[in-house]
Amino acid sequence: MSSTAKIELETIPRSRVYKAVAQQLQERILTDLKPGDTLPSERELV
């Protein structure tokens, strides 16, 4: 007689790319950019 152990797993939230981009922009604006600087391109953020 074989017994199968039931494994309970937690749900892992999906990462949203737009949230990561927004977080990077916010950090960059608050730490690196000065008035008049341009924002980084999308490619630089990804």
PDB file of N, CA and C in Angstrom:
ATOM      1  N   MET A   1       0.849  -1.180   0.000  1.00  0.00           N
ATOM      2  CA  MET A   1       0.000   0.000   0.000  1.00  0.00           C
ATOM      3  C   MET A   1       0.896   1.246   0.000  1.00  0.00           C
ATOM      4  N   SER A   2       0.785   2.078  -1.017  1.00  0.00           N
ATOM      5  CA  SER A   2       1.616   3.276  -1.069  1.00  0.00           C
ATOM      6  C   SER A   2       0.811   4.470  -0.575  1.00  0.00           C
ATOM      7  N   SER A   3       1.457   5.300   0.204  1.00  0.00           N
ATOM      8  CA  SER A   3       0.778   6.514   0.688  1.00  0.00           C
ATOM      9  C   SER A   3       1.413   7.724   0.012  1.00  0.00           C
ATOM     10  N   THR A   4       0.571   8.606  -0.422  1.00  0.00           N
ATOM     11  CA  THR A   4       1.044   9.812  -1.080  1.00  0.00           C
ATOM     12  C   THR A   4       0.893  10.971  -0.110  1.00  0.00           C
ATOM     13  N   ALA A   5       1.997  11.640   0.174  1.00  0.00           N
ATOM     14  CA  ALA A   5       1.956  12.789   1.079  1.00  0.00           C
ATOM     15  C   ALA A   5       1.379  13.978   0.337  1.00  0.00           C
ATOM     16  N   LYS A   6       0.476  14.670   0.983  1.00  0.00           N
ATOM     17  CA  LYS A   6      -0.113  15.864   0.382  1.00  0.00           C
ATOM     18  C   LYS A   6       0.767  17.060   0.746  1.00  0.00           C
ATOM     19  N   ILE A   7       1.222  17.762  -0.286  1.00  0.00           N
ATOM     20  CA  ILE A   7       2.089  18.922  -0.080  1.00  0.00           C
ATOM     21  C   ILE A   7       1.264  20.185  -0.298  1.00  0.00           C
ATOM     22  N   GLU A   8       1.272  21.045   0.703  1.00  0.00           N
ATOM     23  CA  GLU A   8       0.560  22.315   0.567  1.00  0.00           C
ATOM     24  C   GLU A   8       1.563  23.395   0.190  1.00  0.00           C
ATOM     25  N   LEU A   9       1.261  24.101  -0.880  1.00  0.00           N
ATOM     26  CA  LEU A   9       2.143  25.163  -1.353  1.00  0.00           C
ATOM     27  C   LEU A   9       1.465  26.510  -1.231  1.00  0.00           C
ATOM     28  N   GLU A  10       2.274  27.523  -0.966  1.00  0.00           N
ATOM     29  CA  GLU A  10       1.751  28.887  -0.903  1.00  0.00           C
ATOM     30  C   GLU A  10       1.657  29.465  -2.307  1.00  0.00           C
ATOM     31  N   THR A  11       0.696  30.323  -2.510  1.00  0.00           N
ATOM     32  CA  THR A  11       0.563  31.005  -3.790  1.00  0.00           C
ATOM     33  C   THR A  11       1.673  32.037  -3.913  1.00  0.00           C
ATOM     34  N   ILE A  12       2.317  32.045  -5.047  1.00  0.00           N
ATOM     35  CA  ILE A  12       3.386  33.012  -5.303  1.00  0.00           C
ATOM     36  C   ILE A  12       2.818  34.108  -6.194  1.00  0.00           C
ATOM     37  N   PRO A  13       2.870  35.359  -5.730  1.00  0.00           N
ATOM     38  CA  PRO A  13       2.314  36.438  -6.553  1.00  0.00           C
ATOM     39  C   PRO A  13       3.113  36.629  -7.834  1.00  0.00           C
ATOM     40  N   ARG A  14       2.398  36.940  -8.897  1.00  0.00           N
ATOM     41  CA  ARG A  14       3.053  37.197 -10.176  1.00  0.00           C
ATOM     42  C   ARG A  14       3.669  38.590 -10.175  1.00  0.00           C
ATOM     43  N   SER A  15       4.807  38.675 -10.780  1.00  0.00           N
ATOM     44  CA  SER A  15       5.484  39.962 -10.880  1.00  0.00           C
ATOM     45  C   SER A  15       4.926  40.720 -12.082  1.00  0.00           C
ATOM     46  N   ARG A  16       4.633  41.955 -11.889  1.00  0.00           N
ATOM     47  CA  ARG A  16       4.131  42.783 -12.979  1.00  0.00           C
ATOM     48  C   ARG A  16       5.263  43.699 -13.441  1.00  0.00           C
ATOM     49  N   VAL A  17       5.552  43.675 -14.721  1.00  0.00           N
ATOM     50  CA  VAL A  17       6.662  44.441 -15.270  1.00  0.00           C
ATOM     51  C   VAL A  17       6.457  45.929 -15.030  1.00  0.00           C
ATOM     52  N   TYR A  18       5.217  46.408 -15.209  1.00  0.00           N
ATOM     53  CA  TYR A  18       4.986  47.842 -15.046  1.00  0.00           C
ATOM     54  C   TYR A  18       5.299  48.302 -13.623  1.00  0.00           C
ATOM     55  N   LYS A  19       5.098  47.433 -12.644  1.00  0.00           N
ATOM     56  CA  LYS A  19       5.415  47.806 -11.259  1.00  0.00           C
ATOM     57  C   LYS A  19       6.931  47.924 -11.070  1.00  0.00           C
ATOM     58  N   ALA A  20       7.675  47.016 -11.687  1.00  0.00           N
ATOM     59  CA  ALA A  20       9.133  47.072 -11.585  1.00  0.00           C
ATOM     60  C   ALA A  20       9.669  48.324 -12.263  1.00  0.00           C
ATOM     61  N   VAL A  21       9.109  48.674 -13.414  1.00  0.00           N
ATOM     62  CA  VAL A  21       9.533  49.878 -14.132  1.00  0.00           C
ATOM     63  C   VAL A  21       9.204  51.115 -13.308  1.00  0.00           C
ATOM     64  N   ALA A  22       8.003  51.169 -12.751  1.00  0.00           N
ATOM     65  CA  ALA A  22       7.606  52.313 -11.931  1.00  0.00           C
ATOM     66  C   ALA A  22       8.508  52.451 -10.711  1.00  0.00           C
ATOM     67  N   GLN A  23       8.861  51.341 -10.089  1.00  0.00           N
ATOM     68  CA  GLN A  23       9.748  51.361  -8.924  1.00  0.00           C
ATOM     69  C   GLN A  23      11.120  51.895  -9.308  1.00  0.00           C
ATOM     70  N   GLN A  24      11.649  51.443 -10.440  1.00  0.00           N
ATOM     71  CA  GLN A  24      12.958  51.922 -10.885  1.00  0.00           C
ATOM     72  C   GLN A  24      12.934  53.411 -11.203  1.00  0.00           C
ATOM     73  N   LEU A  25      11.870  53.858 -11.865  1.00  0.00           N
ATOM     74  CA  LEU A  25      11.747  55.287 -12.169  1.00  0.00           C
ATOM     75  C   LEU A  25      11.694  56.121 -10.895  1.00  0.00           C
ATOM     76  N   GLN A  26      10.903  55.667  -9.948  1.00  0.00           N
ATOM     77  CA  GLN A  26      10.779  56.406  -8.689  1.00  0.00           C
ATOM     78  C   GLN A  26      12.130  56.500  -7.984  1.00  0.00           C
ATOM     79  N   GLU A  27      12.843  55.384  -7.896  1.00  0.00           N
ATOM     80  CA  GLU A  27      14.152  55.391  -7.245  1.00  0.00           C
ATOM     81  C   GLU A  27      15.122  56.318  -7.970  1.00  0.00           C
ATOM     82  N   ARG A  28      15.107  56.251  -9.295  1.00  0.00           N
ATOM     83  CA  ARG A  28      16.021  57.073 -10.097  1.00  0.00           C
ATOM     84  C   ARG A  28      15.703  58.555  -9.936  1.00  0.00           C
ATOM     85  N   ILE A  29      14.422  58.904  -9.941  1.00  0.00           N
ATOM     86  CA  ILE A  29      14.011  60.302  -9.792  1.00  0.00           C
ATOM     87  C   ILE A  29      14.430  60.837  -8.429  1.00  0.00           C
ATOM     88  N   LEU A  30      14.244  60.033  -7.409  1.00  0.00           N
ATOM     89  CA  LEU A  30      14.551  60.485  -6.052  1.00  0.00           C
ATOM     90  C   LEU A  30      16.042  60.529  -5.744  1.00  0.00           C
ATOM     91  N   THR A  31      16.842  59.719  -6.439  1.00  0.00           N
ATOM     92  CA  THR A  31      18.256  59.646  -6.073  1.00  0.00           C
ATOM     93  C   THR A  31      19.221  60.225  -7.104  1.00  0.00           C
ATOM     94  N   ASP A  32      18.949  60.014  -8.393  1.00  0.00           N
ATOM     95  CA  ASP A  32      19.946  60.350  -9.408  1.00  0.00           C
ATOM     96  C   ASP A  32      19.628  61.569 -10.268  1.00  0.00           C
ATOM     97  N   LEU A  33      18.363  61.770 -10.568  1.00  0.00           N
ATOM     98  CA  LEU A  33      18.010  62.803 -11.545  1.00  0.00           C
ATOM     99  C   LEU A  33      17.898  64.187 -10.922  1.00  0.00           C
ATOM    100  N   LYS A  34      18.279  65.160 -11.720  1.00  0.00           N
ATOM    101  CA  LYS A  34      18.167  66.568 -11.316  1.00  0.00           C
ATOM    102  C   LYS A  34      17.185  67.242 -12.268  1.00  0.00           C
ATOM    103  N   PRO A  35      16.643  68.388 -11.899  1.00  0.00           N
ATOM    104  CA  PRO A  35      15.722  69.086 -12.811  1.00  0.00           C
ATOM    105  C   PRO A  35      16.372  69.291 -14.183  1.00  0.00           C
ATOM    106  N   GLY A  36      15.632  68.948 -15.229  1.00  0.00           N
ATOM    107  CA  GLY A  36      16.132  69.087 -16.591  1.00  0.00           C
ATOM    108  C   GLY A  36      16.699  67.802 -17.168  1.00  0.00           C
ATOM    109  N   ASP A  37      17.010  66.812 -16.321  1.00  0.00           N
ATOM    110  CA  ASP A  37      17.513  65.532 -16.814  1.00  0.00           C
ATOM    111  C   ASP A  37      16.392  64.785 -17.536  1.00  0.00           C
ATOM    112  N   THR A  38      16.771  63.962 -18.499  1.00  0.00           N
ATOM    113  CA  THR A  38      15.770  63.152 -19.197  1.00  0.00           C
ATOM    114  C   THR A  38      15.631  61.794 -18.494  1.00  0.00           C
ATOM    115  N   LEU A  39      14.460  61.212 -18.635  1.00  0.00           N
ATOM    116  CA  LEU A  39      14.222  59.894 -18.059  1.00  0.00           C
ATOM    117  C   LEU A  39      14.915  58.837 -18.901  1.00  0.00           C
ATOM    118  N   PRO A  40      15.316  57.733 -18.292  1.00  0.00           N
ATOM    119  CA  PRO A  40      15.965  56.664 -19.057  1.00  0.00           C
ATOM    120  C   PRO A  40      14.978  56.025 -20.039  1.00  0.00           C
ATOM    121  N   SER A  41      15.503  55.410 -21.078  1.00  0.00           N
ATOM    122  CA  SER A  41      14.651  54.746 -22.066  1.00  0.00           C
ATOM    123  C   SER A  41      14.047  53.479 -21.476  1.00  0.00           C
ATOM    124  N   GLU A  42      13.036  52.949 -22.141  1.00  0.00           N
ATOM    125  CA  GLU A  42      12.409  51.719 -21.692  1.00  0.00           C
ATOM    126  C   GLU A  42      13.411  50.571 -21.666  1.00  0.00           C
ATOM    127  N   ARG A  43      14.292  50.540 -22.661  1.00  0.00           N
ATOM    128  CA  ARG A  43      15.292  49.468 -22.714  1.00  0.00           C
ATOM    129  C   ARG A  43      16.225  49.503 -21.501  1.00  0.00           C
ATOM    130  N   GLU A  44      16.561  50.699 -21.059  1.00  0.00           N
ATOM    131  CA  GLU A  44      17.438  50.813 -19.891  1.00  0.00           C
ATOM    132  C   GLU A  44      16.741  50.340 -18.626  1.00  0.00           C
ATOM    133  N   LEU A  45      15.436  50.490 -18.580  1.00  0.00           N
ATOM    134  CA  LEU A  45      14.680  50.122 -17.383  1.00  0.00           C
ATOM    135  C   LEU A  45      14.374  48.628 -17.282  1.00  0.00           C
ATOM    136  N   VAL A  46      14.370  47.951 -18.414  1.00  0.00           N
ATOM    137  CA  VAL A  46      13.988  46.538 -18.406  1.00  0.00           C
ATOM    138  C   VAL A  46      15.140  45.659 -18.129  1.00  0.00           C
TER     139      VAL A  46
END
